[in-house]
Amino acid sequence: MYFAMPRTRKFTNGKHLRDMVQHCPRVFYYRRASYKPDGHRKDYWVFARRATLHNLGDVAIVLSKKRRNDGPKGVKIIVTNLTEASAGEVLSIYARRWGVEVTIKELKSGLHLARCK
């Protein structure tokens, strides 16, 4: 399972994800290729690590940003319970999932399917 995570989520030691994002130096990020569903390559700067989150257990966390010099506000936090997945695999799968999320949002807002019961 893959999902984006809010910055207010806590580790088991009580620290927040936002602290990791805020204080992770630029030199820890490395370039990783991600392939979109149409086959095009997109490069991201990523930092990956395993951690234990409160109420979730052991997870792999990938911090991703489009440009190396982007600040902490430009960082996307992706969390998966597949701890053995590489950062490139996480980004590729999340890119495929994102298309589905956008489609569902358009169906709900454009066709007002959210109000149907």
N, C-alpha and C. Protein backbone atom coordinates (compact mmCIF):
# COMPACT_ATOMS: atom_id res chain seq x y z
N MET A 1 0.84 -1.16 0.00
CA MET A 1 0.00 0.00 0.00
C MET A 1 0.90 1.24 0.00
N TYR A 2 0.54 2.23 -0.80
CA TYR A 2 1.27 3.49 -0.90
C TYR A 2 0.32 4.63 -0.60
N PHE A 3 0.80 5.62 0.11
CA PHE A 3 -0.03 6.79 0.35
C PHE A 3 0.84 7.96 0.76
N ALA A 4 0.35 9.16 0.48
CA ALA A 4 1.04 10.37 0.93
C ALA A 4 0.71 10.56 2.40
N MET A 5 1.61 11.18 3.12
CA MET A 5 1.48 11.28 4.57
C MET A 5 1.51 12.74 5.00
N PRO A 6 0.64 13.13 5.94
CA PRO A 6 0.71 14.50 6.46
C PRO A 6 1.96 14.68 7.32
N ARG A 7 2.43 15.89 7.37
CA ARG A 7 3.66 16.18 8.11
C ARG A 7 3.47 16.12 9.63
N THR A 8 2.23 16.05 10.08
CA THR A 8 1.97 16.02 11.52
C THR A 8 2.04 14.61 12.10
N ARG A 9 2.19 13.61 11.27
CA ARG A 9 2.29 12.22 11.73
C ARG A 9 3.53 12.06 12.59
N LYS A 10 3.45 11.21 13.62
CA LYS A 10 4.56 11.05 14.56
C LYS A 10 5.24 9.69 14.42
N PHE A 11 6.56 9.70 14.68
CA PHE A 11 7.31 8.46 14.83
C PHE A 11 7.01 7.90 16.21
N THR A 12 7.44 6.67 16.46
CA THR A 12 7.20 6.07 17.77
C THR A 12 7.98 6.79 18.88
N ASN A 13 9.05 7.51 18.52
CA ASN A 13 9.81 8.24 19.54
C ASN A 13 9.20 9.61 19.85
N GLY A 14 8.08 9.96 19.23
CA GLY A 14 7.39 11.21 19.52
C GLY A 14 7.72 12.36 18.59
N LYS A 15 8.73 12.23 17.74
CA LYS A 15 9.07 13.31 16.80
C LYS A 15 8.14 13.25 15.60
N HIS A 16 7.97 14.41 14.95
CA HIS A 16 7.09 14.52 13.80
C HIS A 16 7.84 14.29 12.50
N LEU A 17 7.08 13.90 11.47
CA LEU A 17 7.65 13.78 10.12
C LEU A 17 8.16 15.13 9.63
N ARG A 18 7.48 16.20 10.00
CA ARG A 18 7.90 17.53 9.53
C ARG A 18 9.30 17.87 10.00
N ASP A 19 9.70 17.34 11.17
CA ASP A 19 11.06 17.58 11.65
C ASP A 19 12.09 16.92 10.74
N MET A 20 11.78 15.71 10.28
CA MET A 20 12.69 15.01 9.37
C MET A 20 12.78 15.76 8.03
N VAL A 21 11.64 16.23 7.54
CA VAL A 21 11.62 16.96 6.27
C VAL A 21 12.37 18.29 6.41
N GLN A 22 12.14 18.98 7.48
CA GLN A 22 12.73 20.31 7.69
C GLN A 22 14.25 20.24 7.85
N HIS A 23 14.74 19.20 8.53
CA HIS A 23 16.15 19.17 8.90
C HIS A 23 16.99 18.18 8.09
N CYS A 24 16.43 17.61 7.03
CA CYS A 24 17.20 16.69 6.19
C CYS A 24 18.07 17.52 5.23
N PRO A 25 19.40 17.44 5.35
CA PRO A 25 20.28 18.25 4.48
C PRO A 25 20.16 17.87 3.01
N ARG A 26 20.42 18.82 2.17
CA ARG A 26 20.33 18.63 0.72
C ARG A 26 21.27 17.54 0.23
N VAL A 27 22.40 17.34 0.89
CA VAL A 27 23.38 16.35 0.43
C VAL A 27 22.88 14.92 0.62
N PHE A 28 21.85 14.70 1.43
CA PHE A 28 21.31 13.35 1.62
C PHE A 28 20.41 12.92 0.47
N TYR A 29 19.94 13.87 -0.33
CA TYR A 29 19.06 13.55 -1.46
C TYR A 29 19.89 13.06 -2.64
N TYR A 30 19.35 12.10 -3.39
CA TYR A 30 20.02 11.62 -4.60
C TYR A 30 19.00 11.53 -5.72
N ARG A 31 19.49 11.59 -6.95
CA ARG A 31 18.62 11.60 -8.12
C ARG A 31 18.14 10.18 -8.42
N ARG A 32 16.83 10.04 -8.67
CA ARG A 32 16.26 8.75 -8.97
C ARG A 32 15.26 8.92 -10.10
N ALA A 33 15.29 8.01 -11.04
CA ALA A 33 14.37 8.06 -12.18
C ALA A 33 13.05 7.40 -11.81
N SER A 34 11.98 7.97 -12.29
CA SER A 34 10.65 7.41 -12.14
C SER A 34 10.03 7.37 -13.53
N TYR A 35 9.32 6.30 -13.82
CA TYR A 35 8.70 6.17 -15.13
C TYR A 35 7.20 6.28 -15.00
N LYS A 36 6.64 7.22 -15.77
CA LYS A 36 5.21 7.47 -15.74
C LYS A 36 4.49 6.37 -16.53
N PRO A 37 3.16 6.25 -16.37
CA PRO A 37 2.42 5.21 -17.08
C PRO A 37 2.57 5.27 -18.60
N ASP A 38 2.83 6.45 -19.16
CA ASP A 38 2.99 6.55 -20.61
C ASP A 38 4.42 6.23 -21.04
N GLY A 39 5.30 5.85 -20.11
CA GLY A 39 6.65 5.44 -20.43
C GLY A 39 7.70 6.54 -20.36
N HIS A 40 7.28 7.78 -20.14
CA HIS A 40 8.22 8.88 -20.05
C HIS A 40 8.97 8.85 -18.73
N ARG A 41 10.23 9.22 -18.79
CA ARG A 41 11.07 9.24 -17.59
C ARG A 41 11.00 10.62 -16.94
N LYS A 42 10.92 10.64 -15.62
CA LYS A 42 10.93 11.87 -14.85
C LYS A 42 11.91 11.66 -13.69
N ASP A 43 12.85 12.58 -13.53
CA ASP A 43 13.82 12.48 -12.46
C ASP A 43 13.35 13.25 -11.24
N TYR A 44 13.57 12.68 -10.07
CA TYR A 44 13.25 13.31 -8.81
C TYR A 44 14.47 13.21 -7.89
N TRP A 45 14.53 14.09 -6.94
CA TRP A 45 15.54 14.02 -5.89
C TRP A 45 14.86 13.40 -4.68
N VAL A 46 15.41 12.29 -4.19
CA VAL A 46 14.75 11.52 -3.14
C VAL A 46 15.68 11.24 -1.96
N PHE A 47 15.05 11.02 -0.83
CA PHE A 47 15.72 10.53 0.37
C PHE A 47 14.82 9.43 0.90
N ALA A 48 15.35 8.23 1.10
CA ALA A 48 14.55 7.10 1.55
C ALA A 48 15.13 6.54 2.83
N ARG A 49 14.23 6.13 3.72
CA ARG A 49 14.66 5.46 4.94
C ARG A 49 13.52 4.64 5.50
N ARG A 50 13.88 3.66 6.31
CA ARG A 50 12.88 2.86 7.02
C ARG A 50 12.67 3.47 8.40
N ALA A 51 11.45 3.37 8.89
CA ALA A 51 11.13 3.94 10.19
C ALA A 51 9.93 3.22 10.77
N THR A 52 9.61 3.55 11.99
CA THR A 52 8.43 3.03 12.66
C THR A 52 7.54 4.21 13.03
N LEU A 53 6.36 4.24 12.43
CA LEU A 53 5.41 5.32 12.70
C LEU A 53 4.36 4.88 13.71
N HIS A 54 3.93 5.84 14.50
CA HIS A 54 2.91 5.59 15.52
C HIS A 54 1.64 5.08 14.87
N ASN A 55 1.10 3.98 15.34
CA ASN A 55 -0.13 3.32 14.86
C ASN A 55 0.00 2.70 13.47
N LEU A 56 1.16 2.76 12.83
CA LEU A 56 1.34 2.13 11.52
C LEU A 56 2.38 1.02 11.53
N GLY A 57 3.36 1.13 12.38
CA GLY A 57 4.40 0.11 12.45
C GLY A 57 5.56 0.43 11.52
N ASP A 58 6.25 -0.63 11.07
CA ASP A 58 7.42 -0.47 10.20
C ASP A 58 7.00 -0.08 8.80
N VAL A 59 7.58 1.00 8.29
CA VAL A 59 7.27 1.51 6.96
C VAL A 59 8.54 1.99 6.28
N ALA A 60 8.46 2.19 4.98
CA ALA A 60 9.51 2.85 4.23
C ALA A 60 9.01 4.25 3.88
N ILE A 61 9.83 5.25 4.14
CA ILE A 61 9.46 6.64 3.88
C ILE A 61 10.34 7.16 2.76
N VAL A 62 9.71 7.78 1.76
CA VAL A 62 10.44 8.40 0.66
C VAL A 62 10.08 9.88 0.63
N LEU A 63 11.09 10.72 0.78
CA LEU A 63 10.92 12.16 0.62
C LEU A 63 11.30 12.48 -0.82
N SER A 64 10.43 13.12 -1.54
CA SER A 64 10.65 13.36 -2.97
C SER A 64 10.43 14.83 -3.29
N LYS A 65 11.33 15.38 -4.12
CA LYS A 65 11.14 16.75 -4.60
C LYS A 65 11.61 16.82 -6.05
N LYS A 66 11.05 17.77 -6.80
CA LYS A 66 11.34 17.86 -8.23
C LYS A 66 12.72 18.42 -8.52
N ARG A 67 13.17 19.35 -7.71
CA ARG A 67 14.48 19.97 -7.92
C ARG A 67 15.30 19.84 -6.66
N ARG A 68 16.60 19.72 -6.82
CA ARG A 68 17.49 19.51 -5.68
C ARG A 68 17.45 20.66 -4.68
N ASN A 69 17.30 21.89 -5.18
CA ASN A 69 17.33 23.05 -4.31
C ASN A 69 15.97 23.46 -3.77
N ASP A 70 14.93 22.69 -4.03
CA ASP A 70 13.62 23.00 -3.47
C ASP A 70 13.68 22.92 -1.95
N GLY A 71 12.95 23.80 -1.29
CA GLY A 71 12.92 23.83 0.15
C GLY A 71 11.99 22.76 0.71
N PRO A 72 11.81 22.74 2.03
CA PRO A 72 10.97 21.73 2.67
C PRO A 72 9.51 21.76 2.26
N LYS A 73 9.02 22.92 1.82
CA LYS A 73 7.62 22.99 1.40
C LYS A 73 7.38 22.26 0.09
N GLY A 74 8.41 22.07 -0.72
CA GLY A 74 8.28 21.36 -1.99
C GLY A 74 8.49 19.87 -1.90
N VAL A 75 8.61 19.34 -0.68
CA VAL A 75 8.88 17.91 -0.49
C VAL A 75 7.56 17.16 -0.33
N LYS A 76 7.43 16.06 -1.09
CA LYS A 76 6.28 15.17 -0.96
C LYS A 76 6.71 13.97 -0.13
N ILE A 77 5.91 13.58 0.85
CA ILE A 77 6.21 12.46 1.72
C ILE A 77 5.36 11.27 1.26
N ILE A 78 6.01 10.19 0.85
CA ILE A 78 5.31 8.98 0.42
C ILE A 78 5.70 7.86 1.38
N VAL A 79 4.70 7.14 1.87
CA VAL A 79 4.92 6.08 2.84
C VAL A 79 4.35 4.78 2.28
N THR A 80 5.08 3.68 2.47
CA THR A 80 4.61 2.37 2.04
C THR A 80 4.93 1.34 3.10
N ASN A 81 4.11 0.30 3.16
CA ASN A 81 4.40 -0.79 4.07
C ASN A 81 5.29 -1.84 3.42
N LEU A 82 5.64 -1.66 2.16
CA LEU A 82 6.58 -2.53 1.46
C LEU A 82 7.99 -2.01 1.73
N THR A 83 8.59 -2.47 2.80
CA THR A 83 9.86 -1.91 3.25
C THR A 83 11.03 -2.26 2.34
N GLU A 84 10.90 -3.29 1.49
CA GLU A 84 11.99 -3.70 0.62
C GLU A 84 11.95 -2.99 -0.74
N ALA A 85 10.93 -2.18 -1.00
CA ALA A 85 10.81 -1.49 -2.29
C ALA A 85 11.84 -0.37 -2.38
N SER A 86 12.42 -0.20 -3.56
CA SER A 86 13.38 0.88 -3.77
C SER A 86 12.64 2.20 -3.97
N ALA A 87 13.37 3.29 -3.86
CA ALA A 87 12.76 4.61 -4.02
C ALA A 87 12.21 4.78 -5.44
N GLY A 88 12.91 4.27 -6.45
CA GLY A 88 12.42 4.36 -7.82
C GLY A 88 11.13 3.60 -8.02
N GLU A 89 11.02 2.42 -7.43
CA GLU A 89 9.78 1.64 -7.53
C GLU A 89 8.63 2.36 -6.83
N VAL A 90 8.90 2.93 -5.68
CA VAL A 90 7.86 3.66 -4.93
C VAL A 90 7.35 4.83 -5.76
N LEU A 91 8.26 5.59 -6.36
CA LEU A 91 7.85 6.74 -7.17
C LEU A 91 7.06 6.32 -8.41
N SER A 92 7.48 5.26 -9.08
CA SER A 92 6.79 4.79 -10.28
C SER A 92 5.38 4.32 -9.96
N ILE A 93 5.23 3.56 -8.89
CA ILE A 93 3.91 3.06 -8.52
C ILE A 93 3.01 4.21 -8.06
N TYR A 94 3.58 5.15 -7.32
CA TYR A 94 2.79 6.29 -6.87
C TYR A 94 2.33 7.14 -8.06
N ALA A 95 3.17 7.27 -9.09
CA ALA A 95 2.79 8.03 -10.29
C ALA A 95 1.60 7.37 -10.98
N ARG A 96 1.59 6.03 -11.04
CA ARG A 96 0.45 5.33 -11.63
C ARG A 96 -0.80 5.53 -10.78
N ARG A 97 -0.64 5.49 -9.48
CA ARG A 97 -1.79 5.65 -8.58
C ARG A 97 -2.35 7.06 -8.65
N TRP A 98 -1.48 8.04 -8.84
CA TRP A 98 -1.92 9.44 -8.87
C TRP A 98 -2.93 9.68 -9.99
N GLY A 99 -2.76 9.05 -11.14
CA GLY A 99 -3.72 9.20 -12.23
C GLY A 99 -5.11 8.72 -11.84
N VAL A 100 -5.17 7.66 -11.08
CA VAL A 100 -6.45 7.14 -10.61
C VAL A 100 -7.09 8.12 -9.62
N GLU A 101 -6.29 8.68 -8.73
CA GLU A 101 -6.80 9.64 -7.75
C GLU A 101 -7.40 10.87 -8.43
N VAL A 102 -6.73 11.37 -9.45
CA VAL A 102 -7.22 12.55 -10.18
C VAL A 102 -8.53 12.21 -10.89
N THR A 103 -8.62 11.02 -11.47
CA THR A 103 -9.84 10.60 -12.15
C THR A 103 -11.01 10.52 -11.17
N ILE A 104 -10.79 9.96 -10.01
CA ILE A 104 -11.85 9.86 -9.00
C ILE A 104 -12.30 11.25 -8.56
N LYS A 105 -11.35 12.15 -8.36
CA LYS A 105 -11.70 13.53 -7.97
C LYS A 105 -12.55 14.20 -9.03
N GLU A 106 -12.19 14.02 -10.31
CA GLU A 106 -12.97 14.62 -11.40
C GLU A 106 -14.37 14.04 -11.48
N LEU A 107 -14.49 12.73 -11.26
CA LEU A 107 -15.81 12.11 -11.28
C LEU A 107 -16.69 12.64 -10.15
N LYS A 108 -16.10 12.78 -8.98
CA LYS A 108 -16.88 13.26 -7.84
C LYS A 108 -17.29 14.71 -8.00
N SER A 109 -16.39 15.57 -8.48
CA SER A 109 -16.71 16.98 -8.57
C SER A 109 -17.48 17.31 -9.85
N GLY A 110 -17.05 16.77 -10.98
CA GLY A 110 -17.67 17.11 -12.25
C GLY A 110 -19.04 16.48 -12.45
N LEU A 111 -19.17 15.21 -12.09
CA LEU A 111 -20.43 14.51 -12.27
C LEU A 111 -21.26 14.43 -10.99
N HIS A 112 -20.74 15.03 -9.92
CA HIS A 112 -21.43 15.09 -8.63
C HIS A 112 -21.78 13.68 -8.11
N LEU A 113 -20.85 12.75 -8.30
CA LEU A 113 -21.07 11.40 -7.82
C LEU A 113 -20.92 11.28 -6.31
N ALA A 114 -20.35 12.26 -5.68
CA ALA A 114 -20.19 12.22 -4.23
C ALA A 114 -21.53 12.31 -3.53
N ARG A 115 -22.50 12.96 -4.16
CA ARG A 115 -23.81 13.11 -3.54
C ARG A 115 -24.74 11.92 -3.79
N CYS A 116 -24.39 11.05 -4.73
CA CYS A 116 -25.23 9.88 -5.03
C CYS A 116 -25.08 8.84 -3.93
N LYS A 117 -26.19 8.25 -3.54
CA LYS A 117 -26.15 7.20 -2.51
C LYS A 117 -26.87 5.99 -2.98
